[in-house]
Amino acid sequence: MPLDPYDYVRIQAQLDFQCRRCGMCCQVADPIDIYPKDIRRLASYFNISAEEAVEEYTIPHPTEPDLRAFKESMPCRFYDDALKGCKIYRARPMVCRCSPFLSPGQIGLQGIEIYEDCPASADDLKRIERDLERLLNPDARTRKRLEKALSKMMQLE
């Protein structure tokens, strides 16, 4: 999939992102998209079959016929407010891995979408605006590094 200049900006912004672990994204995201690879990851994490993971943790996605969604997403049943973190961090869905700058729907879009519910993304926006020209024109080595980072975040490898 060819990336556009703003995709490189989003990837770098995601790599630089300093999550405050406030859990806001875990409390307002609805639905939380679940891709097939997420189901396999959940099944492995809980040591159950993919079918059991679908039955226990997901529902049909309300708007995307090819996706599933978490059953409980407002707030997400896996966010632990006392721990300030995700109880299934290693098995968290791709949309959580890529939030706030690389949610799957953003790849290929012109510009950067900032999630207003995320206090840390507003701080990142200031840095992005300051460094935008440099971020839009990465050299070949930087592009390759960013593409590899994107692949790892989305677990496409």
Protein backbone atom coordinates (compact mmCIF):
# COMPACT_ATOMS: atom_id res chain seq x y z
CA MET A 1 0.00 0.00 0.00
CA PRO A 2 1.58 3.28 -1.05
CA LEU A 3 1.78 5.88 1.67
CA ASP A 4 1.25 9.58 1.15
CA PRO A 5 3.30 12.32 2.86
CA TYR A 6 0.75 12.75 5.66
CA ASP A 7 0.94 9.03 6.42
CA TYR A 8 4.62 9.53 7.25
CA VAL A 9 3.68 12.45 9.50
CA ARG A 10 1.09 10.27 11.28
CA ILE A 11 3.55 7.42 11.74
CA GLN A 12 6.17 9.73 13.25
CA ALA A 13 3.53 11.38 15.44
CA GLN A 14 2.46 7.95 16.70
CA LEU A 15 6.06 6.96 17.43
CA ASP A 16 6.58 10.21 19.35
CA PHE A 17 3.23 10.02 21.14
CA GLN A 18 3.49 10.15 24.95
CA CYS A 19 0.31 8.58 26.26
CA ARG A 20 -0.78 9.96 29.64
CA ARG A 21 -2.66 6.73 30.41
CA CYS A 22 -5.75 8.73 31.29
CA GLY A 23 -8.01 6.12 29.72
CA MET A 24 -10.12 8.68 27.91
CA CYS A 25 -9.90 6.78 24.62
CA CYS A 26 -10.95 3.63 26.47
CA GLN A 27 -14.00 5.39 27.86
CA VAL A 28 -15.35 7.12 24.75
CA ALA A 29 -14.51 4.81 21.84
CA ASP A 30 -17.65 3.22 20.48
CA PRO A 31 -17.49 0.92 18.75
CA ILE A 32 -14.02 -0.52 19.25
CA ASP A 33 -13.27 -2.19 15.93
CA ILE A 34 -12.10 -5.79 16.03
CA TYR A 35 -10.29 -7.19 12.98
CA PRO A 36 -9.72 -10.91 12.29
CA LYS A 37 -6.14 -10.68 13.54
CA ASP A 38 -7.44 -9.11 16.76
CA ILE A 39 -9.71 -12.12 17.29
CA ARG A 40 -6.77 -14.50 16.85
CA ARG A 41 -4.71 -12.38 19.26
CA LEU A 42 -7.49 -12.43 21.88
CA ALA A 43 -7.98 -16.16 21.48
CA SER A 44 -4.28 -16.78 21.98
CA TYR A 45 -4.10 -14.42 24.96
CA PHE A 46 -7.02 -16.11 26.74
CA ASN A 47 -6.04 -19.58 25.52
CA ILE A 48 -9.41 -20.18 23.87
CA SER A 49 -10.53 -20.84 20.30
CA ALA A 50 -11.18 -18.00 17.86
CA GLU A 51 -14.85 -18.98 17.90
CA GLU A 52 -14.95 -18.67 21.69
CA ALA A 53 -13.23 -15.27 21.50
CA VAL A 54 -15.84 -14.07 18.99
CA GLU A 55 -18.68 -15.32 21.19
CA GLU A 56 -17.28 -14.02 24.49
CA TYR A 57 -15.87 -10.63 23.51
CA THR A 58 -17.41 -9.40 20.26
CA ILE A 59 -20.62 -8.42 18.53
CA PRO A 60 -21.30 -7.66 14.85
CA HIS A 61 -19.92 -4.23 13.99
CA PRO A 62 -22.78 -1.71 13.73
CA THR A 63 -21.55 -0.11 10.47
CA GLU A 64 -18.84 -2.34 8.97
CA PRO A 65 -20.16 -5.74 7.83
CA ASP A 66 -16.67 -7.29 7.58
CA LEU A 67 -15.65 -6.36 11.14
CA ARG A 68 -16.60 -7.20 14.68
CA ALA A 69 -16.66 -4.84 17.68
CA PHE A 70 -16.07 -5.31 21.40
CA LYS A 71 -19.25 -6.14 23.30
CA GLU A 72 -18.51 -3.57 25.98
CA SER A 73 -16.80 -0.42 24.83
CA MET A 74 -18.11 2.53 26.82
CA PRO A 75 -16.00 2.13 28.82
CA CYS A 76 -13.90 -0.66 27.42
CA ARG A 77 -14.19 -3.66 29.70
CA PHE A 78 -10.41 -4.12 29.60
CA TYR A 79 -9.36 -0.68 30.85
CA ASP A 80 -8.38 -0.76 34.51
CA ASP A 81 -8.73 2.71 35.98
CA ALA A 82 -6.84 1.75 39.15
CA LEU A 83 -3.87 0.49 37.15
CA LYS A 84 -4.19 3.24 34.54
CA GLY A 85 -3.82 0.72 31.79
CA CYS A 86 -5.19 -2.01 29.63
CA LYS A 87 -5.63 -5.42 31.22
CA ILE A 88 -4.98 -7.08 27.85
CA TYR A 89 -2.25 -4.72 26.63
CA ARG A 90 -0.29 -7.41 24.75
CA ALA A 91 -3.51 -8.54 23.02
CA ARG A 92 -5.15 -5.13 22.53
CA PRO A 93 -6.89 -4.52 19.19
CA MET A 94 -5.16 -2.88 16.26
CA VAL A 95 -7.18 0.33 16.62
CA CYS A 96 -5.87 0.66 20.17
CA ARG A 97 -2.30 -0.03 19.04
CA CYS A 98 -2.59 2.70 16.45
CA SER A 99 -4.45 5.33 18.44
CA PRO A 100 -4.54 8.29 18.31
CA PHE A 101 -2.80 9.05 15.00
CA LEU A 102 -2.84 5.83 13.00
CA SER A 103 -6.33 4.47 13.28
CA PRO A 104 -6.89 2.39 10.12
CA GLY A 105 -9.36 4.88 8.64
CA GLN A 106 -6.73 7.63 8.61
CA ILE A 107 -4.19 6.01 6.29
CA GLY A 108 -4.22 7.88 2.99
CA LEU A 109 -6.14 10.90 4.29
CA GLN A 110 -4.87 14.40 3.65
CA GLY A 111 -3.99 16.12 6.90
CA ILE A 112 -3.85 14.94 10.50
CA GLU A 113 -6.88 14.10 12.61
CA ILE A 114 -6.54 14.94 16.27
CA TYR A 115 -8.80 13.25 18.77
CA GLU A 116 -10.12 16.02 20.97
CA ASP A 117 -10.84 13.56 23.78
CA CYS A 118 -7.12 12.76 24.04
CA PRO A 119 -5.26 15.43 26.03
CA ALA A 120 -1.84 14.14 24.94
CA SER A 121 -2.64 14.39 21.22
CA ALA A 122 -3.17 18.15 21.53
CA ASP A 123 0.43 18.47 22.77
CA ASP A 124 1.60 16.42 19.80
CA LEU A 125 -0.31 18.66 17.38
CA LYS A 126 1.85 21.63 18.41
CA ARG A 127 5.02 19.65 17.65
CA ILE A 128 3.59 18.38 14.36
CA GLU A 129 2.69 21.91 13.25
CA ARG A 130 6.18 23.14 14.19
CA ASP A 131 7.93 20.34 12.28
CA LEU A 132 5.40 19.77 9.48
CA GLU A 133 7.62 20.60 6.50
CA ARG A 134 10.38 18.29 7.71
CA LEU A 135 7.90 15.54 8.55
CA LEU A 136 6.17 15.73 5.16
CA ASN A 137 9.45 15.19 3.29
CA PRO A 138 11.36 12.36 4.94
CA ASP A 139 14.43 11.01 3.20
CA ALA A 140 14.43 7.44 1.84
CA ARG A 141 16.05 5.98 4.95
CA THR A 142 13.52 7.66 7.25
CA ARG A 143 10.61 6.55 5.03
CA LYS A 144 11.82 2.95 5.24
CA ARG A 145 12.15 3.19 9.04
CA LEU A 146 8.66 4.66 9.34
CA GLU A 147 7.14 2.02 7.04
CA LYS A 148 8.71 -0.71 9.16
CA ALA A 149 7.35 0.92 12.33
CA LEU A 150 3.87 1.10 10.80
CA SER A 151 4.00 -2.55 9.85
CA LYS A 152 5.03 -3.48 13.38
CA MET A 153 2.31 -1.32 15.00
CA MET A 154 -0.35 -2.84 12.79
CA GLN A 155 1.26 -6.25 13.13
CA LEU A 156 1.24 -6.86 9.40
CA GLU A 157 4.55 -8.72 9.43
